[in-house]
């Protein structure tokens, strides 16, 4: 087990940002925190990476407590933040070189070039970061943290604001990182992203975990099929059913016209929990 969190709490003034969160991540696993902006996902990331101190609860990273052994935690963890924190006036290569120096990581020029090749940015090595596209900058940020060879990578909304095609390219990079035996905590509010990438998912809102399991388990517990019909006012009505027999009964009840049937998705699980519109910190 690379990460273990028990009964985690964090408040800012009178607002509970994280309220009794518990979960664990196995080595080599991608674990997703799925929820809206303000659910508390980023606050969890900050506490794991020792940037914020828990009010209550425990966090262990590879056996290191985040309060009593911060140095051990920081040697194990690397964070890819939501925002672009690259040095825009430096080249791609120099951004990686400077990061390695700051982290006191011994990297030869050839090893940096090899990493850039793996992440598809070697052709941009001498280009200023400010000249890159959003997707290219995201590739550089992810490649940069891999210089330190961390055991646990914290990806905070890694595809936020990217075009769908670029988003899928980043998914491929994340899958590549996992294939090298790394563990990943991924925060996202994209249900498709969580369903595609994550071995297990926790649905989070208002500082609490509402549901947790593999995407397949969560979908199966909620219902296997979705019946879509058209209401009298023209609005689409969605009904989640658990079995084929229940689906057949629902079709008979609604008549034979004006409906479609599809397999349930993780998005439907989130909708059944009230959507992702709750507010937190």
C-alpha atoms as a PDB file:
ATOM      1  CA  UNK A   1       0.000   0.000   0.000  1.00  0.00           C
ATOM      2  CA  UNK A   2       1.505   3.338  -1.088  1.00  0.00           C
ATOM      3  CA  UNK A   3      -1.039   5.677   0.552  1.00  0.00           C
ATOM      4  CA  UNK A   4      -3.333   5.286   3.551  1.00  0.00           C
ATOM      5  CA  UNK A   5      -5.711   8.016   4.718  1.00  0.00           C
ATOM      6  CA  UNK A   6      -7.957   7.681   7.765  1.00  0.00           C
ATOM      7  CA  UNK A   7     -10.651  10.074   9.032  1.00  0.00           C
ATOM      8  CA  UNK A   8      -9.122  13.146   7.407  1.00  0.00           C
ATOM      9  CA  UNK A   9     -10.516  16.570   8.346  1.00  0.00           C
ATOM     10  CA  UNK A  10      -9.624  20.089   7.235  1.00  0.00           C
ATOM     11  CA  UNK A  11     -11.568  23.319   7.756  1.00  0.00           C
ATOM     12  CA  UNK A  12     -11.014  26.886   6.629  1.00  0.00           C
ATOM     13  CA  UNK A  13     -12.713  29.272   9.040  1.00  0.00           C
ATOM     14  CA  UNK A  14     -16.202  27.780   9.428  1.00  0.00           C
ATOM     15  CA  UNK A  15     -16.225  25.733   6.214  1.00  0.00           C
ATOM     16  CA  UNK A  16     -15.410  22.012   6.255  1.00  0.00           C
ATOM     17  CA  UNK A  17     -13.252  21.484   3.181  1.00  0.00           C
ATOM     18  CA  UNK A  18     -12.548  17.813   3.977  1.00  0.00           C
ATOM     19  CA  UNK A  19     -14.884  16.008   6.349  1.00  0.00           C
ATOM     20  CA  UNK A  20     -13.948  12.508   7.505  1.00  0.00           C
ATOM     21  CA  UNK A  21     -12.291  11.200   4.335  1.00  0.00           C
ATOM     22  CA  UNK A  22     -10.707   7.716   4.372  1.00  0.00           C
ATOM     23  CA  UNK A  23      -9.221   5.729   1.496  1.00  0.00           C
ATOM     24  CA  UNK A  24      -6.067   3.893   0.437  1.00  0.00           C
ATOM     25  CA  UNK A  25      -4.098   3.398  -2.765  1.00  0.00           C
ATOM     26  CA  UNK A  26      -2.310   0.200  -3.682  1.00  0.00           C
ATOM     27  CA  UNK A  27       1.080   0.244  -5.373  1.00  0.00           C
ATOM     28  CA  UNK A  28       0.718   0.458  -9.147  1.00  0.00           C
ATOM     29  CA  UNK A  29      -2.894   1.640  -8.949  1.00  0.00           C
ATOM     30  CA  UNK A  30      -4.662   4.690 -10.365  1.00  0.00           C
ATOM     31  CA  UNK A  31      -7.153   5.972  -7.795  1.00  0.00           C
ATOM     32  CA  UNK A  32      -9.560   8.730  -8.763  1.00  0.00           C
ATOM     33  CA  UNK A  33     -11.184  11.433  -6.677  1.00  0.00           C
ATOM     34  CA  UNK A  34     -14.198  12.417  -8.777  1.00  0.00           C
ATOM     35  CA  UNK A  35     -16.227  15.476  -7.904  1.00  0.00           C
ATOM     36  CA  UNK A  36     -17.102  19.093  -8.697  1.00  0.00           C
ATOM     37  CA  UNK A  37     -14.971  22.143  -8.169  1.00  0.00           C
ATOM     38  CA  UNK A  38     -15.039  22.836  -4.439  1.00  0.00           C
ATOM     39  CA  UNK A  39     -15.566  19.208  -3.410  1.00  0.00           C
ATOM     40  CA  UNK A  40     -12.327  19.158  -1.398  1.00  0.00           C
ATOM     41  CA  UNK A  41     -10.179  17.232  -3.870  1.00  0.00           C
ATOM     42  CA  UNK A  42      -7.361  19.776  -4.095  1.00  0.00           C
ATOM     43  CA  UNK A  43      -7.319  20.179  -0.311  1.00  0.00           C
ATOM     44  CA  UNK A  44      -6.703  16.426  -0.018  1.00  0.00           C
ATOM     45  CA  UNK A  45      -3.810  16.771  -2.491  1.00  0.00           C
ATOM     46  CA  UNK A  46      -2.309  19.610  -0.439  1.00  0.00           C
ATOM     47  CA  UNK A  47      -2.419  17.574   2.767  1.00  0.00           C
ATOM     48  CA  UNK A  48      -0.866  14.490   1.150  1.00  0.00           C
ATOM     49  CA  UNK A  49       1.971  16.607  -0.272  1.00  0.00           C
ATOM     50  CA  UNK A  50       2.563  18.320   3.130  1.00  0.00           C
ATOM     51  CA  UNK A  51       1.473  21.743   1.829  1.00  0.00           C
ATOM     52  CA  UNK A  52      -1.432  21.823   4.308  1.00  0.00           C
ATOM     53  CA  UNK A  53      -1.667  20.308   7.776  1.00  0.00           C
ATOM     54  CA  UNK A  54      -4.687  18.131   8.632  1.00  0.00           C
ATOM     55  CA  UNK A  55      -6.903  19.286  11.494  1.00  0.00           C
ATOM     56  CA  UNK A  56      -7.585  15.647  12.327  1.00  0.00           C
ATOM     57  CA  UNK A  57      -6.845  12.208  10.915  1.00  0.00           C
ATOM     58  CA  UNK A  58      -3.756  10.470   9.572  1.00  0.00           C
ATOM     59  CA  UNK A  59      -1.969  10.243   6.226  1.00  0.00           C
ATOM     60  CA  UNK A  60       0.814   7.746   5.558  1.00  0.00           C
ATOM     61  CA  UNK A  61       2.762   7.742   2.296  1.00  0.00           C
ATOM     62  CA  UNK A  62       4.781   4.563   1.855  1.00  0.00           C
ATOM     63  CA  UNK A  63       4.838   4.252   5.648  1.00  0.00           C
ATOM     64  CA  UNK A  64       5.854   7.888   6.254  1.00  0.00           C
ATOM     65  CA  UNK A  65       3.541  10.107   8.307  1.00  0.00           C
ATOM     66  CA  UNK A  66       2.919  13.494   6.670  1.00  0.00           C
ATOM     67  CA  UNK A  67       3.376  15.349   9.976  1.00  0.00           C
ATOM     68  CA  UNK A  68       6.255  13.516  11.649  1.00  0.00           C
ATOM     69  CA  UNK A  69       8.210  12.558   8.502  1.00  0.00           C
ATOM     70  CA  UNK A  70       7.601  15.262   5.926  1.00  0.00           C
ATOM     71  CA  UNK A  71      10.997  14.706   4.315  1.00  0.00           C
ATOM     72  CA  UNK A  72      10.250  11.035   3.704  1.00  0.00           C
ATOM     73  CA  UNK A  73       6.902  11.947   2.161  1.00  0.00           C
ATOM     74  CA  UNK A  74       8.437  14.536  -0.160  1.00  0.00           C
ATOM     75  CA  UNK A  75      11.004  12.019  -1.376  1.00  0.00           C
ATOM     76  CA  UNK A  76       8.161   9.696  -2.401  1.00  0.00           C
ATOM     77  CA  UNK A  77       5.550  12.110  -3.805  1.00  0.00           C
ATOM     78  CA  UNK A  78       5.437  14.438  -6.814  1.00  0.00           C
ATOM     79  CA  UNK A  79       2.586  16.829  -7.573  1.00  0.00           C
ATOM     80  CA  UNK A  80       1.254  17.939 -10.948  1.00  0.00           C
ATOM     81  CA  UNK A  81      -0.852  20.999 -10.032  1.00  0.00           C
ATOM     82  CA  UNK A  82      -3.872  22.378 -11.879  1.00  0.00           C
ATOM     83  CA  UNK A  83      -2.092  25.601 -12.756  1.00  0.00           C
ATOM     84  CA  UNK A  84       0.864  26.017 -15.083  1.00  0.00           C
ATOM     85  CA  UNK A  85       3.898  26.580 -12.837  1.00  0.00           C
ATOM     86  CA  UNK A  86       6.579  26.332 -15.520  1.00  0.00           C
ATOM     87  CA  UNK A  87       9.141  29.090 -16.121  1.00  0.00           C
ATOM     88  CA  UNK A  88       7.769  30.649 -19.295  1.00  0.00           C
ATOM     89  CA  UNK A  89      10.970  32.467 -20.250  1.00  0.00           C
ATOM     90  CA  UNK A  90      13.059  29.292 -20.112  1.00  0.00           C
ATOM     91  CA  UNK A  91      13.228  26.597 -22.761  1.00  0.00           C
ATOM     92  CA  UNK A  92      11.621  23.207 -22.281  1.00  0.00           C
ATOM     93  CA  UNK A  93      15.019  21.613 -21.680  1.00  0.00           C
ATOM     94  CA  UNK A  94      16.048  24.268 -19.151  1.00  0.00           C
ATOM     95  CA  UNK A  95      12.780  23.879 -17.239  1.00  0.00           C
ATOM     96  CA  UNK A  96      13.559  20.200 -16.742  1.00  0.00           C
ATOM     97  CA  UNK A  97      17.212  20.856 -15.919  1.00  0.00           C
ATOM     98  CA  UNK A  98      16.379  23.516 -13.313  1.00  0.00           C
ATOM     99  CA  UNK A  99      13.706  21.320 -11.725  1.00  0.00           C
ATOM    100  CA  UNK A 100      16.203  18.469 -11.389  1.00  0.00           C
ATOM    101  CA  UNK A 101      18.686  20.811  -9.717  1.00  0.00           C
ATOM    102  CA  UNK A 102      16.071  22.132  -7.274  1.00  0.00           C
ATOM    103  CA  UNK A 103      15.042  18.580  -6.369  1.00  0.00           C
ATOM    104  CA  UNK A 104      18.714  17.593  -6.087  1.00  0.00           C
ATOM    105  CA  UNK A 105      18.197  14.881  -8.674  1.00  0.00           C
ATOM    106  CA  UNK A 106      21.255  13.774 -10.617  1.00  0.00           C
ATOM    107  CA  UNK A 107      20.254  13.809 -14.299  1.00  0.00           C
ATOM    108  CA  UNK A 108      22.509  13.692 -17.329  1.00  0.00           C
ATOM    109  CA  UNK A 109      21.605  15.551 -20.499  1.00  0.00           C
ATOM    110  CA  UNK A 110      20.966  12.215 -22.195  1.00  0.00           C
ATOM    111  CA  UNK A 111      18.511  11.112 -19.490  1.00  0.00           C
ATOM    112  CA  UNK A 112      16.586  14.398 -19.803  1.00  0.00           C
ATOM    113  CA  UNK A 113      16.506  13.982 -23.581  1.00  0.00           C
ATOM    114  CA  UNK A 114      15.277  10.414 -23.184  1.00  0.00           C
ATOM    115  CA  UNK A 115      12.472  11.600 -20.907  1.00  0.00           C
ATOM    116  CA  UNK A 116      11.463  14.338 -23.367  1.00  0.00           C
ATOM    117  CA  UNK A 117      11.395  11.760 -26.141  1.00  0.00           C
ATOM    118  CA  UNK A 118       9.143   9.491 -24.094  1.00  0.00           C
ATOM    119  CA  UNK A 119       6.699  12.333 -23.441  1.00  0.00           C
ATOM    120  CA  UNK A 120       6.695  13.596 -27.020  1.00  0.00           C
ATOM    121  CA  UNK A 121       8.335  16.974 -26.360  1.00  0.00           C
ATOM    122  CA  UNK A 122      11.890  16.411 -27.623  1.00  0.00           C
ATOM    123  CA  UNK A 123      11.256  18.494 -30.758  1.00  0.00           C
ATOM    124  CA  UNK A 124      10.362  21.433 -28.496  1.00  0.00           C
ATOM    125  CA  UNK A 125      13.500  21.180 -26.337  1.00  0.00           C
ATOM    126  CA  UNK A 126      14.874  24.595 -27.362  1.00  0.00           C
ATOM    127  CA  UNK A 127      11.530  26.394 -27.509  1.00  0.00           C
ATOM    128  CA  UNK A 128      10.448  28.842 -24.815  1.00  0.00           C
ATOM    129  CA  UNK A 129       7.649  27.428 -22.678  1.00  0.00           C
ATOM    130  CA  UNK A 130       5.553  30.574 -23.249  1.00  0.00           C
ATOM    131  CA  UNK A 131       5.396  29.619 -26.937  1.00  0.00           C
ATOM    132  CA  UNK A 132       3.885  26.175 -26.279  1.00  0.00           C
ATOM    133  CA  UNK A 133       0.229  25.149 -26.534  1.00  0.00           C
ATOM    134  CA  UNK A 134      -1.729  24.193 -23.432  1.00  0.00           C
ATOM    135  CA  UNK A 135      -1.375  20.483 -24.158  1.00  0.00           C
ATOM    136  CA  UNK A 136       2.379  20.773 -24.722  1.00  0.00           C
ATOM    137  CA  UNK A 137       2.816  22.655 -21.444  1.00  0.00           C
ATOM    138  CA  UNK A 138       0.900  19.919 -19.650  1.00  0.00           C
ATOM    139  CA  UNK A 139       3.243  17.308 -21.141  1.00  0.00           C
ATOM    140  CA  UNK A 140       6.265  19.267 -19.897  1.00  0.00           C
ATOM    141  CA  UNK A 141       4.811  19.569 -16.378  1.00  0.00           C
ATOM    142  CA  UNK A 142       4.141  15.827 -16.174  1.00  0.00           C
ATOM    143  CA  UNK A 143       7.548  14.930 -17.652  1.00  0.00           C
ATOM    144  CA  UNK A 144       9.255  17.281 -15.205  1.00  0.00           C
ATOM    145  CA  UNK A 145       7.946  15.539 -12.080  1.00  0.00           C
ATOM    146  CA  UNK A 146       9.058  12.177 -13.474  1.00  0.00           C
ATOM    147  CA  UNK A 147      12.690  13.325 -13.285  1.00  0.00           C
ATOM    148  CA  UNK A 148      12.616  12.606  -9.546  1.00  0.00           C
ATOM    149  CA  UNK A 149      11.292   9.070 -10.184  1.00  0.00           C
ATOM    150  CA  UNK A 150       8.490   9.396  -7.571  1.00  0.00           C
ATOM    151  CA  UNK A 151       6.565   6.380  -6.303  1.00  0.00           C
ATOM    152  CA  UNK A 152       3.291   8.325  -5.987  1.00  0.00           C
ATOM    153  CA  UNK A 153       2.189  10.992  -8.475  1.00  0.00           C
ATOM    154  CA  UNK A 154      -0.608  13.378  -7.511  1.00  0.00           C
ATOM    155  CA  UNK A 155      -2.371  14.633 -10.644  1.00  0.00           C
ATOM    156  CA  UNK A 156      -4.728  17.500  -9.806  1.00  0.00           C
ATOM    157  CA  UNK A 157      -7.211  17.974 -12.687  1.00  0.00           C
ATOM    158  CA  UNK A 158      -4.512  17.140 -15.277  1.00  0.00           C
ATOM    159  CA  UNK A 159      -6.709  17.768 -18.342  1.00  0.00           C
ATOM    160  CA  UNK A 160      -8.666  20.790 -17.119  1.00  0.00           C
ATOM    161  CA  UNK A 161      -9.334  23.214 -19.974  1.00  0.00           C
ATOM    162  CA  UNK A 162      -7.802  21.027 -22.690  1.00  0.00           C
ATOM    163  CA  UNK A 163      -9.499  20.099 -25.958  1.00  0.00           C
ATOM    164  CA  UNK A 164     -10.969  16.547 -26.070  1.00  0.00           C
ATOM    165  CA  UNK A 165      -8.297  15.264 -28.476  1.00  0.00           C
ATOM    166  CA  UNK A 166      -5.466  16.674 -26.332  1.00  0.00           C
ATOM    167  CA  UNK A 167      -7.158  15.296 -23.220  1.00  0.00           C
ATOM    168  CA  UNK A 168      -6.934  11.787 -24.656  1.00  0.00           C
ATOM    169  CA  UNK A 169      -3.245  12.274 -25.405  1.00  0.00           C
ATOM    170  CA  UNK A 170      -2.702  13.098 -21.732  1.00  0.00           C
ATOM    171  CA  UNK A 171      -4.691   9.976 -20.800  1.00  0.00           C
ATOM    172  CA  UNK A 172      -2.206   7.943 -22.840  1.00  0.00           C
ATOM    173  CA  UNK A 173       0.689   9.544 -20.945  1.00  0.00           C
ATOM    174  CA  UNK A 174      -0.956   8.716 -17.609  1.00  0.00           C
ATOM    175  CA  UNK A 175      -1.473   5.103 -18.688  1.00  0.00           C
ATOM    176  CA  UNK A 176       2.192   5.005 -19.741  1.00  0.00           C
ATOM    177  CA  UNK A 177       3.270   6.192 -16.289  1.00  0.00           C
ATOM    178  CA  UNK A 178       1.159   3.486 -14.642  1.00  0.00           C
ATOM    179  CA  UNK A 179       2.712   0.836 -16.905  1.00  0.00           C
ATOM    180  CA  UNK A 180       6.082   1.683 -15.323  1.00  0.00           C
ATOM    181  CA  UNK A 181       4.779   0.607 -11.906  1.00  0.00           C
ATOM    182  CA  UNK A 182       3.926   4.047 -10.540  1.00  0.00           C
ATOM    183  CA  UNK A 183       0.948   4.801  -8.299  1.00  0.00           C
ATOM    184  CA  UNK A 184      -1.312   7.717  -9.190  1.00  0.00           C
ATOM    185  CA  UNK A 185      -3.915   9.777  -7.366  1.00  0.00           C
ATOM    186  CA  UNK A 186      -5.994  11.549 -10.005  1.00  0.00           C
ATOM    187  CA  UNK A 187      -8.498  14.285  -9.201  1.00  0.00           C
ATOM    188  CA  UNK A 188     -11.039  15.138 -11.877  1.00  0.00           C
ATOM    189  CA  UNK A 189     -14.588  16.266 -12.479  1.00  0.00           C
ATOM    190  CA  UNK A 190     -14.724  14.449 -15.840  1.00  0.00           C
ATOM    191  CA  UNK A 191     -16.618  11.167 -15.369  1.00  0.00           C
ATOM    192  CA  UNK A 192     -15.327   9.790 -18.674  1.00  0.00           C
ATOM    193  CA  UNK A 193     -11.755  10.416 -17.541  1.00  0.00           C
ATOM    194  CA  UNK A 194     -12.269   8.601 -14.244  1.00  0.00           C
ATOM    195  CA  UNK A 195     -14.028   5.676 -15.921  1.00  0.00           C
ATOM    196  CA  UNK A 196     -11.328   5.332 -18.581  1.00  0.00           C
ATOM    197  CA  UNK A 197      -8.230   5.623 -16.382  1.00  0.00           C
ATOM    198  CA  UNK A 198      -8.987   4.655 -12.798  1.00  0.00           C
ATOM    199  CA  UNK A 199      -8.799   1.247 -11.146  1.00  0.00           C
ATOM    200  CA  UNK A 200     -10.947   2.594  -8.306  1.00  0.00           C
ATOM    201  CA  UNK A 201     -12.894   5.801  -7.844  1.00  0.00           C
ATOM    202  CA  UNK A 202     -14.223   7.779  -4.886  1.00  0.00           C
ATOM    203  CA  UNK A 203     -17.101  10.136  -5.650  1.00  0.00           C
ATOM    204  CA  UNK A 204     -16.579  13.220  -3.515  1.00  0.00           C
ATOM    205  CA  UNK A 205     -18.767  16.237  -2.771  1.00  0.00           C
ATOM    206  CA  UNK A 206     -18.928  18.840   0.002  1.00  0.00           C
ATOM    207  CA  UNK A 207     -15.815  17.387   1.625  1.00  0.00           C
ATOM    208  CA  UNK A 208     -17.145  13.832   1.949  1.00  0.00           C
ATOM    209  CA  UNK A 209     -16.731  10.601   0.005  1.00  0.00           C
ATOM    210  CA  UNK A 210     -20.210   9.491  -1.095  1.00  0.00           C
ATOM    211  CA  UNK A 211     -19.389   6.272  -2.973  1.00  0.00           C
ATOM    212  CA  UNK A 212     -16.213   4.281  -3.601  1.00  0.00           C
ATOM    213  CA  UNK A 213     -15.269   1.246  -5.674  1.00  0.00           C
ATOM    214  CA  UNK A 214     -14.166   0.225  -9.147  1.00  0.00           C
ATOM    215  CA  UNK A 215     -16.071   1.971 -11.949  1.00  0.00           C
ATOM    216  CA  UNK A 216     -17.652  -1.378 -12.791  1.00  0.00           C
ATOM    217  CA  UNK A 217     -18.762  -1.941  -9.186  1.00  0.00           C
ATOM    218  CA  UNK A 218     -20.266   1.526  -8.876  1.00  0.00           C
ATOM    219  CA  UNK A 219     -22.145   1.152 -12.153  1.00  0.00           C
ATOM    220  CA  UNK A 220     -23.385  -2.349 -11.257  1.00  0.00           C
ATOM    221  CA  UNK A 221     -24.607  -1.208  -7.835  1.00  0.00           C
ATOM    222  CA  UNK A 222     -26.534   1.671  -9.409  1.00  0.00           C
ATOM    223  CA  UNK A 223     -27.952  -0.085 -12.476  1.00  0.00           C
ATOM    224  CA  UNK A 224     -26.788  -1.775 -15.661  1.00  0.00           C
ATOM    225  CA  UNK A 225     -29.027   0.017 -18.181  1.00  0.00           C
ATOM    226  CA  UNK A 226     -30.401   3.500 -18.773  1.00  0.00           C
ATOM    227  CA  UNK A 227     -33.808   4.000 -20.410  1.00  0.00           C
ATOM    228  CA  UNK A 228     -34.167   7.422 -22.014  1.00  0.00           C
ATOM    229  CA  UNK A 229     -37.668   8.662 -22.863  1.00  0.00           C
ATOM    230  CA  UNK A 230     -39.197  11.982 -23.841  1.00  0.00           C
ATOM    231  CA  UNK A 231     -41.535  13.697 -21.376  1.00  0.00           C
ATOM    232  CA  UNK A 232     -44.672  15.652 -22.260  1.00  0.00           C
ATOM    233  CA  UNK A 233     -42.725  18.927 -22.118  1.00  0.00           C
ATOM    234  CA  UNK A 234     -40.097  17.576 -24.504  1.00  0.00           C
ATOM    235  CA  UNK A 235     -37.444  17.067 -21.818  1.00  0.00           C
ATOM    236  CA  UNK A 236     -35.449  13.849 -21.765  1.00  0.00           C
ATOM    237  CA  UNK A 237     -36.196  11.539 -18.836  1.00  0.00           C
ATOM    238  CA  UNK A 238     -33.542   9.070 -17.677  1.00  0.00           C
ATOM    239  CA  UNK A 239     -34.388   5.914 -15.738  1.00  0.00           C
ATOM    240  CA  UNK A 240     -31.666   3.606 -14.429  1.00  0.00           C
ATOM    241  CA  UNK A 241     -32.596  -0.079 -14.159  1.00  0.00           C
ATOM    242  CA  UNK A 242     -30.643  -2.941 -12.614  1.00  0.00           C
ATOM    243  CA  UNK A 243     -31.515  -5.952 -14.771  1.00  0.00           C
ATOM    244  CA  UNK A 244     -32.772  -6.986 -18.197  1.00  0.00           C
ATOM    245  CA  UNK A 245     -36.109  -8.042 -16.702  1.00  0.00           C
ATOM    246  CA  UNK A 246     -36.519  -4.631 -15.072  1.00  0.00           C
ATOM    247  CA  UNK A 247     -35.582  -2.998 -18.375  1.00  0.00           C
ATOM    248  CA  UNK A 248     -38.191  -5.037 -20.283  1.00  0.00           C
ATOM    249  CA  UNK A 249     -40.835  -4.082 -17.717  1.00  0.00           C
ATOM    250  CA  UNK A 250     -39.889  -0.402 -18.005  1.00  0.00           C
ATOM    251  CA  UNK A 251     -40.131  -0.556 -21.810  1.00  0.00           C
ATOM    252  CA  UNK A 252     -43.597  -2.130 -21.623  1.00  0.00           C
ATOM    253  CA  UNK A 253     -44.650   0.552 -19.154  1.00  0.00           C
ATOM    254  CA  UNK A 254     -43.468   3.374 -21.419  1.00  0.00           C
ATOM    255  CA  UNK A 255     -44.739   1.922 -24.681  1.00  0.00           C
ATOM    256  CA  UNK A 256     -42.775   0.949 -27.758  1.00  0.00           C
ATOM    257  CA  UNK A 257     -42.034   4.384 -29.222  1.00  0.00           C
ATOM    258  CA  UNK A 258     -39.880   7.322 -28.239  1.00  0.00           C
ATOM    259  CA  UNK A 259     -37.252   5.630 -26.121  1.00  0.00           C
ATOM    260  CA  UNK A 260     -33.621   4.571 -26.325  1.00  0.00           C
ATOM    261  CA  UNK A 261     -31.661   2.102 -24.213  1.00  0.00           C
ATOM    262  CA  UNK A 262     -27.947   2.242 -23.441  1.00  0.00           C
ATOM    263  CA  UNK A 263     -25.483   0.737 -21.008  1.00  0.00           C
ATOM    264  CA  UNK A 264     -25.064   2.709 -17.783  1.00  0.00           C
ATOM    265  CA  UNK A 265     -21.935   4.825 -17.345  1.00  0.00           C
ATOM    266  CA  UNK A 266     -20.120   6.314 -14.383  1.00  0.00           C
ATOM    267  CA  UNK A 267     -21.824   9.607 -15.223  1.00  0.00           C
ATOM    268  CA  UNK A 268     -25.159   7.978 -14.343  1.00  0.00           C
ATOM    269  CA  UNK A 269     -23.794   6.953 -10.940  1.00  0.00           C
ATOM    270  CA  UNK A 270     -22.836  10.571 -10.260  1.00  0.00           C
ATOM    271  CA  UNK A 271     -26.277  11.778 -11.379  1.00  0.00           C
ATOM    272  CA  UNK A 272     -27.944   9.242  -9.083  1.00  0.00           C
ATOM    273  CA  UNK A 273     -25.955  10.754  -6.214  1.00  0.00           C
ATOM    274  CA  UNK A 274     -27.385  14.182  -6.945  1.00  0.00           C
ATOM    275  CA  UNK A 275     -24.939  15.278  -9.630  1.00  0.00           C
ATOM    276  CA  UNK A 276     -21.778  17.264  -9.092  1.00  0.00           C
ATOM    277  CA  UNK A 277     -23.290  20.619  -8.257  1.00  0.00           C
ATOM    278  CA  UNK A 278     -22.695  20.785  -4.524  1.00  0.00           C
ATOM    279  CA  UNK A 279     -20.464  23.528  -3.163  1.00  0.00           C
ATOM    280  CA  UNK A 280     -17.528  23.186  -0.813  1.00  0.00           C
ATOM    281  CA  UNK A 281     -13.942  24.429  -0.638  1.00  0.00           C
END
